[in-house]
N, C-alpha and C. Protein backbone atom coordinates (compact mmCIF):
# COMPACT_ATOMS: atom_id res chain seq x y z
N UNK A 1 122.26 -71.39 -104.70
CA UNK A 1 121.82 -72.24 -103.61
C UNK A 1 121.15 -73.51 -104.13
N UNK A 2 120.82 -73.54 -105.39
CA UNK A 2 120.22 -74.75 -105.96
C UNK A 2 121.20 -75.93 -105.92
N UNK A 3 122.47 -75.64 -105.77
CA UNK A 3 123.49 -76.68 -105.73
C UNK A 3 123.81 -77.14 -104.30
N UNK A 4 123.09 -76.64 -103.31
CA UNK A 4 123.41 -76.93 -101.91
C UNK A 4 123.42 -78.43 -101.62
N UNK A 5 122.39 -79.15 -102.01
CA UNK A 5 122.33 -80.59 -101.71
C UNK A 5 123.50 -81.33 -102.34
N UNK A 6 123.83 -80.99 -103.57
CA UNK A 6 124.95 -81.65 -104.25
C UNK A 6 126.28 -81.34 -103.55
N UNK A 7 126.45 -80.09 -103.14
CA UNK A 7 127.67 -79.75 -102.43
C UNK A 7 127.74 -80.43 -101.07
N UNK A 8 126.60 -80.54 -100.40
CA UNK A 8 126.61 -81.21 -99.09
C UNK A 8 127.04 -82.67 -99.22
N UNK A 9 126.64 -83.32 -100.30
CA UNK A 9 127.08 -84.70 -100.53
C UNK A 9 128.61 -84.76 -100.57
N UNK A 10 129.23 -83.80 -101.20
CA UNK A 10 130.70 -83.75 -101.28
C UNK A 10 131.30 -83.35 -99.94
N UNK A 11 130.78 -82.28 -99.37
CA UNK A 11 131.36 -81.70 -98.16
C UNK A 11 131.15 -82.55 -96.91
N UNK A 12 130.23 -83.49 -96.97
CA UNK A 12 130.00 -84.39 -95.83
C UNK A 12 130.70 -85.74 -96.03
N UNK A 13 131.36 -85.92 -97.17
CA UNK A 13 132.01 -87.17 -97.51
C UNK A 13 133.42 -87.21 -96.89
N UNK A 14 133.68 -88.14 -95.98
CA UNK A 14 135.01 -88.19 -95.35
C UNK A 14 136.16 -88.38 -96.34
N UNK A 15 135.96 -89.12 -97.42
CA UNK A 15 137.03 -89.30 -98.41
C UNK A 15 137.32 -87.99 -99.13
N UNK A 16 136.27 -87.28 -99.53
CA UNK A 16 136.45 -86.01 -100.24
C UNK A 16 137.13 -84.97 -99.35
N UNK A 17 136.83 -85.01 -98.07
CA UNK A 17 137.32 -84.00 -97.14
C UNK A 17 138.61 -84.40 -96.42
N UNK A 18 139.16 -85.56 -96.74
CA UNK A 18 140.33 -86.07 -96.03
C UNK A 18 141.47 -85.06 -95.97
N UNK A 19 141.73 -84.37 -97.05
CA UNK A 19 142.85 -83.43 -97.08
C UNK A 19 142.38 -81.98 -97.21
N UNK A 20 141.12 -81.74 -96.97
CA UNK A 20 140.58 -80.37 -97.00
C UNK A 20 140.91 -79.71 -95.68
N UNK A 21 140.66 -78.43 -95.57
CA UNK A 21 141.06 -77.69 -94.37
C UNK A 21 140.01 -77.72 -93.26
N UNK A 22 138.93 -78.44 -93.46
CA UNK A 22 137.92 -78.60 -92.42
C UNK A 22 137.48 -80.06 -92.37
N UNK A 23 136.88 -80.43 -91.28
CA UNK A 23 136.32 -81.77 -91.15
C UNK A 23 135.09 -81.88 -92.04
N UNK A 24 134.65 -83.11 -92.34
CA UNK A 24 133.40 -83.27 -93.11
C UNK A 24 132.25 -82.53 -92.43
N UNK A 25 131.41 -81.92 -93.23
CA UNK A 25 130.29 -81.15 -92.69
C UNK A 25 129.27 -82.10 -92.07
N UNK A 26 128.90 -81.81 -90.84
CA UNK A 26 127.97 -82.66 -90.11
C UNK A 26 126.51 -82.32 -90.38
N UNK A 27 126.27 -81.14 -90.97
CA UNK A 27 124.88 -80.75 -91.21
C UNK A 27 124.77 -79.94 -92.49
N UNK A 28 123.56 -79.92 -93.01
CA UNK A 28 123.28 -79.11 -94.19
C UNK A 28 123.49 -77.63 -93.90
N UNK A 29 123.24 -77.22 -92.67
CA UNK A 29 123.42 -75.81 -92.29
C UNK A 29 124.88 -75.38 -92.45
N UNK A 30 125.81 -76.25 -92.08
CA UNK A 30 127.23 -75.92 -92.23
C UNK A 30 127.57 -75.77 -93.71
N UNK A 31 127.06 -76.69 -94.54
CA UNK A 31 127.30 -76.60 -95.99
C UNK A 31 126.64 -75.35 -96.57
N UNK A 32 125.47 -74.98 -96.07
CA UNK A 32 124.79 -73.76 -96.55
C UNK A 32 125.65 -72.53 -96.26
N UNK A 33 126.21 -72.45 -95.04
CA UNK A 33 127.08 -71.32 -94.70
C UNK A 33 128.30 -71.28 -95.61
N UNK A 34 128.89 -72.46 -95.86
CA UNK A 34 130.05 -72.55 -96.73
C UNK A 34 129.71 -72.07 -98.14
N UNK A 35 128.59 -72.54 -98.67
CA UNK A 35 128.18 -72.15 -100.02
C UNK A 35 127.86 -70.66 -100.10
N UNK A 36 127.26 -70.13 -99.07
CA UNK A 36 126.96 -68.69 -99.03
C UNK A 36 128.25 -67.88 -99.11
N UNK A 37 129.25 -68.29 -98.33
CA UNK A 37 130.55 -67.59 -98.38
C UNK A 37 131.18 -67.71 -99.75
N UNK A 38 131.09 -68.89 -100.36
CA UNK A 38 131.65 -69.09 -101.69
C UNK A 38 130.95 -68.19 -102.71
N UNK A 39 129.63 -68.12 -102.64
CA UNK A 39 128.87 -67.32 -103.61
C UNK A 39 129.14 -65.83 -103.48
N UNK A 40 129.38 -65.38 -102.27
CA UNK A 40 129.54 -63.95 -102.04
C UNK A 40 131.00 -63.51 -101.93
N UNK A 41 131.91 -64.43 -102.20
CA UNK A 41 133.33 -64.09 -102.17
C UNK A 41 133.71 -63.22 -103.36
N UNK A 42 134.85 -62.61 -103.24
CA UNK A 42 135.31 -61.71 -104.30
C UNK A 42 136.36 -62.37 -105.20
N UNK A 43 136.74 -63.59 -104.88
CA UNK A 43 137.76 -64.30 -105.65
C UNK A 43 137.11 -65.17 -106.72
N UNK A 44 137.80 -65.43 -107.82
CA UNK A 44 137.27 -66.35 -108.84
C UNK A 44 137.12 -67.76 -108.25
N UNK A 45 135.89 -68.25 -108.16
CA UNK A 45 135.58 -69.53 -107.55
C UNK A 45 134.43 -70.15 -108.32
N UNK A 46 134.61 -71.35 -108.86
CA UNK A 46 133.64 -71.90 -109.80
C UNK A 46 133.17 -73.30 -109.41
N UNK A 47 131.93 -73.58 -109.73
CA UNK A 47 131.35 -74.90 -109.56
C UNK A 47 131.81 -75.77 -110.74
N UNK A 48 132.16 -77.02 -110.44
CA UNK A 48 132.51 -77.96 -111.49
C UNK A 48 131.32 -78.89 -111.70
N UNK A 49 130.83 -78.91 -112.93
CA UNK A 49 129.74 -79.82 -113.29
C UNK A 49 130.26 -80.81 -114.33
N UNK A 50 129.75 -82.02 -114.25
CA UNK A 50 130.09 -83.05 -115.22
C UNK A 50 128.82 -83.83 -115.51
N UNK A 51 128.46 -83.86 -116.81
CA UNK A 51 127.24 -84.56 -117.22
C UNK A 51 126.02 -84.09 -116.43
N UNK A 52 125.96 -82.78 -116.20
CA UNK A 52 124.81 -82.18 -115.54
C UNK A 52 124.79 -82.30 -114.03
N UNK A 53 125.84 -82.87 -113.44
CA UNK A 53 125.91 -83.04 -111.99
C UNK A 53 127.01 -82.18 -111.40
N UNK A 54 126.74 -81.55 -110.26
CA UNK A 54 127.76 -80.83 -109.53
C UNK A 54 128.69 -81.87 -108.90
N UNK A 55 129.98 -81.76 -109.22
CA UNK A 55 130.94 -82.73 -108.69
C UNK A 55 132.08 -82.06 -107.91
N UNK A 56 132.07 -80.73 -107.83
CA UNK A 56 133.13 -80.08 -107.07
C UNK A 56 133.22 -78.60 -107.33
N UNK A 57 134.36 -78.06 -106.96
CA UNK A 57 134.64 -76.64 -107.16
C UNK A 57 136.12 -76.44 -107.40
N UNK A 58 136.44 -75.32 -108.01
CA UNK A 58 137.84 -74.94 -108.23
C UNK A 58 137.91 -73.43 -108.27
N UNK A 59 139.00 -72.88 -107.78
CA UNK A 59 139.12 -71.44 -107.83
C UNK A 59 140.19 -70.91 -106.91
N UNK A 60 140.04 -69.63 -106.59
CA UNK A 60 140.98 -68.93 -105.72
C UNK A 60 140.35 -68.71 -104.36
N UNK A 61 141.18 -68.83 -103.35
CA UNK A 61 140.70 -68.69 -101.98
C UNK A 61 141.37 -67.53 -101.27
N UNK A 62 141.71 -66.56 -101.98
CA UNK A 62 142.50 -65.45 -101.49
C UNK A 62 143.76 -65.41 -102.32
N UNK A 63 143.63 -64.81 -103.48
CA UNK A 63 144.77 -64.80 -104.39
C UNK A 63 146.04 -64.41 -103.66
N UNK A 64 147.10 -65.11 -103.94
CA UNK A 64 147.34 -65.95 -105.10
C UNK A 64 147.01 -67.43 -104.91
N UNK A 65 146.41 -67.82 -103.76
CA UNK A 65 146.18 -69.25 -103.52
C UNK A 65 144.99 -69.78 -104.30
N UNK A 66 145.18 -70.93 -104.93
CA UNK A 66 144.13 -71.61 -105.68
C UNK A 66 144.01 -73.06 -105.20
N UNK A 67 142.89 -73.69 -105.56
CA UNK A 67 142.71 -75.08 -105.19
C UNK A 67 141.46 -75.66 -105.79
N UNK A 68 141.20 -76.92 -105.43
CA UNK A 68 140.06 -77.62 -106.00
C UNK A 68 139.59 -78.70 -105.03
N UNK A 69 138.33 -79.09 -105.19
CA UNK A 69 137.72 -80.14 -104.39
C UNK A 69 136.76 -80.90 -105.29
N UNK A 70 136.89 -82.22 -105.32
CA UNK A 70 136.02 -83.06 -106.15
C UNK A 70 135.42 -84.20 -105.34
N UNK A 71 134.24 -84.62 -105.76
CA UNK A 71 133.65 -85.82 -105.20
C UNK A 71 134.53 -87.01 -105.59
N UNK A 72 134.74 -87.97 -104.68
CA UNK A 72 135.62 -89.11 -105.01
C UNK A 72 135.23 -89.87 -106.27
N UNK A 73 133.97 -89.89 -106.64
CA UNK A 73 133.56 -90.58 -107.87
C UNK A 73 134.16 -89.93 -109.11
N UNK A 74 134.62 -88.68 -108.99
CA UNK A 74 135.20 -87.96 -110.13
C UNK A 74 136.72 -88.01 -110.15
N UNK A 75 137.32 -88.63 -109.15
CA UNK A 75 138.78 -88.69 -109.08
C UNK A 75 139.34 -89.55 -110.21
N UNK A 76 140.54 -89.20 -110.65
CA UNK A 76 141.27 -90.02 -111.60
C UNK A 76 140.79 -89.93 -113.04
N UNK A 77 139.98 -88.93 -113.36
CA UNK A 77 139.44 -88.80 -114.70
C UNK A 77 139.98 -87.57 -115.45
N UNK A 78 140.91 -86.86 -114.84
CA UNK A 78 141.46 -85.67 -115.47
C UNK A 78 140.62 -84.42 -115.29
N UNK A 79 139.55 -84.52 -114.51
CA UNK A 79 138.64 -83.38 -114.34
C UNK A 79 139.29 -82.25 -113.56
N UNK A 80 140.04 -82.58 -112.51
CA UNK A 80 140.71 -81.53 -111.73
C UNK A 80 141.73 -80.79 -112.60
N UNK A 81 142.48 -81.52 -113.39
CA UNK A 81 143.46 -80.89 -114.28
C UNK A 81 142.76 -79.98 -115.29
N UNK A 82 141.68 -80.47 -115.88
CA UNK A 82 140.95 -79.66 -116.85
C UNK A 82 140.36 -78.40 -116.20
N UNK A 83 139.76 -78.57 -115.03
CA UNK A 83 139.16 -77.42 -114.34
C UNK A 83 140.23 -76.40 -113.95
N UNK A 84 141.34 -76.87 -113.40
CA UNK A 84 142.38 -75.95 -112.98
C UNK A 84 143.08 -75.29 -114.15
N UNK A 85 143.16 -75.94 -115.28
CA UNK A 85 143.71 -75.30 -116.47
C UNK A 85 142.87 -74.07 -116.82
N UNK A 86 141.56 -74.21 -116.75
CA UNK A 86 140.66 -73.09 -117.03
C UNK A 86 140.77 -72.01 -115.95
N UNK A 87 140.87 -72.42 -114.70
CA UNK A 87 140.99 -71.46 -113.59
C UNK A 87 142.27 -70.64 -113.75
N UNK A 88 143.37 -71.31 -114.01
CA UNK A 88 144.65 -70.62 -114.16
C UNK A 88 144.58 -69.59 -115.29
N UNK A 89 144.06 -70.00 -116.43
CA UNK A 89 143.93 -69.07 -117.56
C UNK A 89 143.04 -67.89 -117.19
N UNK A 90 141.94 -68.18 -116.51
CA UNK A 90 141.01 -67.11 -116.12
C UNK A 90 141.66 -66.13 -115.15
N UNK A 91 142.30 -66.66 -114.12
CA UNK A 91 142.91 -65.78 -113.11
C UNK A 91 143.99 -64.91 -113.74
N UNK A 92 144.83 -65.49 -114.58
CA UNK A 92 145.88 -64.70 -115.20
C UNK A 92 145.33 -63.71 -116.23
N UNK A 93 144.14 -63.95 -116.75
CA UNK A 93 143.51 -63.01 -117.69
C UNK A 93 142.83 -61.85 -116.98
N UNK A 94 142.17 -62.12 -115.86
CA UNK A 94 141.35 -61.07 -115.23
C UNK A 94 142.00 -60.40 -114.03
N UNK A 95 143.18 -60.86 -113.63
CA UNK A 95 143.88 -60.21 -112.52
C UNK A 95 145.30 -59.87 -112.94
N UNK A 96 145.97 -59.10 -112.10
CA UNK A 96 147.37 -58.78 -112.40
C UNK A 96 148.34 -59.58 -111.52
N UNK A 97 147.83 -60.59 -110.84
CA UNK A 97 148.71 -61.41 -110.02
C UNK A 97 149.81 -62.03 -110.88
N UNK A 98 151.03 -62.05 -110.35
CA UNK A 98 152.15 -62.56 -111.15
C UNK A 98 152.46 -64.03 -110.88
N UNK A 99 151.75 -64.63 -109.90
CA UNK A 99 151.96 -66.04 -109.61
C UNK A 99 150.74 -66.60 -108.86
N UNK A 100 150.66 -67.93 -108.81
CA UNK A 100 149.63 -68.62 -108.04
C UNK A 100 150.33 -69.57 -107.08
N UNK A 101 149.66 -69.87 -105.97
CA UNK A 101 150.20 -70.80 -104.99
C UNK A 101 149.15 -71.85 -104.64
N UNK A 102 149.61 -72.94 -104.07
CA UNK A 102 148.72 -73.98 -103.56
C UNK A 102 149.37 -74.58 -102.32
N UNK A 103 148.55 -74.96 -101.37
CA UNK A 103 148.96 -75.58 -100.11
C UNK A 103 148.32 -76.96 -100.07
N UNK A 104 149.14 -78.02 -100.04
CA UNK A 104 148.63 -79.38 -100.13
C UNK A 104 149.20 -80.23 -98.99
N UNK A 105 148.37 -81.09 -98.45
CA UNK A 105 148.84 -82.07 -97.48
C UNK A 105 149.81 -83.00 -98.21
N UNK A 106 151.00 -83.26 -97.68
CA UNK A 106 151.97 -84.09 -98.40
C UNK A 106 151.47 -85.51 -98.68
N UNK A 107 150.49 -85.98 -97.95
CA UNK A 107 149.94 -87.32 -98.18
C UNK A 107 148.98 -87.36 -99.37
N UNK A 108 148.58 -86.19 -99.86
CA UNK A 108 147.63 -86.10 -100.96
C UNK A 108 148.37 -86.17 -102.30
N UNK A 109 148.82 -87.37 -102.63
CA UNK A 109 149.64 -87.55 -103.82
C UNK A 109 148.88 -87.23 -105.11
N UNK A 110 147.58 -87.47 -105.15
CA UNK A 110 146.82 -87.19 -106.36
C UNK A 110 146.78 -85.69 -106.65
N UNK A 111 146.51 -84.88 -105.65
CA UNK A 111 146.48 -83.43 -105.86
C UNK A 111 147.86 -82.89 -106.18
N UNK A 112 148.87 -83.45 -105.56
CA UNK A 112 150.24 -83.03 -105.86
C UNK A 112 150.58 -83.36 -107.31
N UNK A 113 150.11 -84.49 -107.81
CA UNK A 113 150.34 -84.87 -109.20
C UNK A 113 149.63 -83.90 -110.15
N UNK A 114 148.40 -83.52 -109.82
CA UNK A 114 147.66 -82.55 -110.65
C UNK A 114 148.44 -81.24 -110.73
N UNK A 115 148.89 -80.74 -109.60
CA UNK A 115 149.64 -79.48 -109.60
C UNK A 115 150.91 -79.59 -110.45
N UNK A 116 151.58 -80.72 -110.38
CA UNK A 116 152.76 -80.93 -111.22
C UNK A 116 152.43 -80.89 -112.69
N UNK A 117 151.32 -81.53 -113.09
CA UNK A 117 150.90 -81.49 -114.49
C UNK A 117 150.61 -80.07 -114.95
N UNK A 118 150.15 -79.24 -114.02
CA UNK A 118 149.79 -77.86 -114.36
C UNK A 118 151.00 -76.92 -114.38
N UNK A 119 152.16 -77.43 -114.01
CA UNK A 119 153.37 -76.61 -114.05
C UNK A 119 153.77 -76.01 -112.71
N UNK A 120 153.03 -76.30 -111.65
CA UNK A 120 153.41 -75.81 -110.32
C UNK A 120 154.68 -76.53 -109.88
N UNK A 121 155.51 -75.85 -109.10
CA UNK A 121 156.70 -76.48 -108.53
C UNK A 121 156.68 -76.29 -107.01
N UNK A 122 157.22 -77.27 -106.32
CA UNK A 122 157.28 -77.21 -104.86
C UNK A 122 158.27 -76.14 -104.43
N UNK A 123 157.85 -75.31 -103.47
CA UNK A 123 158.74 -74.27 -102.96
C UNK A 123 159.28 -74.60 -101.57
N UNK A 124 158.43 -75.19 -100.73
CA UNK A 124 158.88 -75.55 -99.39
C UNK A 124 157.83 -76.40 -98.69
N UNK A 125 158.19 -76.87 -97.51
CA UNK A 125 157.30 -77.69 -96.69
C UNK A 125 157.29 -77.13 -95.27
N UNK A 126 156.19 -77.43 -94.56
CA UNK A 126 156.09 -77.03 -93.16
C UNK A 126 155.32 -78.10 -92.40
N UNK A 127 155.69 -78.27 -91.14
CA UNK A 127 155.05 -79.26 -90.29
C UNK A 127 154.00 -78.61 -89.40
N UNK A 128 152.96 -79.40 -89.11
CA UNK A 128 151.92 -78.99 -88.17
C UNK A 128 151.35 -77.61 -88.51
N UNK A 129 150.90 -77.45 -89.75
CA UNK A 129 150.41 -76.15 -90.21
C UNK A 129 148.96 -75.89 -89.84
N UNK A 130 148.17 -76.94 -89.64
CA UNK A 130 146.81 -76.73 -89.13
C UNK A 130 146.29 -77.97 -88.44
N UNK A 131 145.39 -77.73 -87.50
CA UNK A 131 144.81 -78.80 -86.71
C UNK A 131 143.44 -79.14 -87.29
N UNK A 132 143.28 -80.39 -87.69
CA UNK A 132 142.02 -80.85 -88.29
C UNK A 132 141.42 -81.88 -87.34
N UNK A 133 140.43 -81.46 -86.58
CA UNK A 133 139.92 -82.31 -85.52
C UNK A 133 141.00 -82.44 -84.46
N UNK A 134 141.48 -83.67 -84.23
CA UNK A 134 142.57 -83.88 -83.28
C UNK A 134 143.88 -84.27 -83.97
N UNK A 135 143.95 -84.04 -85.28
CA UNK A 135 145.12 -84.44 -86.06
C UNK A 135 145.85 -83.21 -86.62
N UNK A 136 147.13 -83.10 -86.32
CA UNK A 136 147.93 -82.06 -86.93
C UNK A 136 148.29 -82.47 -88.35
N UNK A 137 148.19 -81.54 -89.28
CA UNK A 137 148.50 -81.80 -90.68
C UNK A 137 149.68 -80.94 -91.12
N UNK A 138 150.43 -81.46 -92.06
CA UNK A 138 151.59 -80.75 -92.62
C UNK A 138 151.19 -80.14 -93.97
N UNK A 139 152.06 -79.34 -94.52
CA UNK A 139 151.79 -78.70 -95.81
C UNK A 139 153.00 -78.79 -96.74
N UNK A 140 152.69 -78.93 -98.02
CA UNK A 140 153.66 -78.75 -99.09
C UNK A 140 153.15 -77.55 -99.88
N UNK A 141 154.02 -76.59 -100.12
CA UNK A 141 153.62 -75.37 -100.82
C UNK A 141 154.13 -75.39 -102.26
N UNK A 142 153.26 -74.96 -103.16
CA UNK A 142 153.56 -74.95 -104.59
C UNK A 142 153.38 -73.54 -105.14
N UNK A 143 154.05 -73.29 -106.27
CA UNK A 143 153.97 -71.98 -106.93
C UNK A 143 153.98 -72.19 -108.45
N UNK A 144 153.20 -71.34 -109.12
CA UNK A 144 153.19 -71.26 -110.57
C UNK A 144 153.32 -69.80 -110.96
N UNK A 145 154.36 -69.46 -111.71
CA UNK A 145 154.55 -68.08 -112.15
C UNK A 145 153.74 -67.83 -113.41
N UNK A 146 153.34 -66.58 -113.58
CA UNK A 146 152.50 -66.19 -114.72
C UNK A 146 153.09 -66.63 -116.05
N UNK A 147 154.36 -66.48 -116.23
CA UNK A 147 154.97 -66.83 -117.52
C UNK A 147 155.28 -68.30 -117.59
């Protein structure tokens, strides 16, 4: 919980949350509930720190699905790729899952590029997969096999 304020800065940032599955957090209480669920989850889920600052998270959200979230100031520096490389190795070491998946908004070209660098391949697309505020969002689905 010591990271709550740092996470709230990310989770309340409209740019950071643009392609996330929820709207930006309007209050610290919402971020506290989110962090509590993250801390008590059973899936591998990790805080990303850079130079002593919390800048995001990466992990599994119900295996086999994985993902990441970074503060916009950390975008474009290879941090997501580095974090997800560690997550992938960890998940394949400590679980018996034979593949990983990711669900990305097709407009999120940066995250799609990261997944490509990590070896994920697109499997299919779907329209209007979730409602974010008053906007329907689409999905591109990716898969990475253990081998």
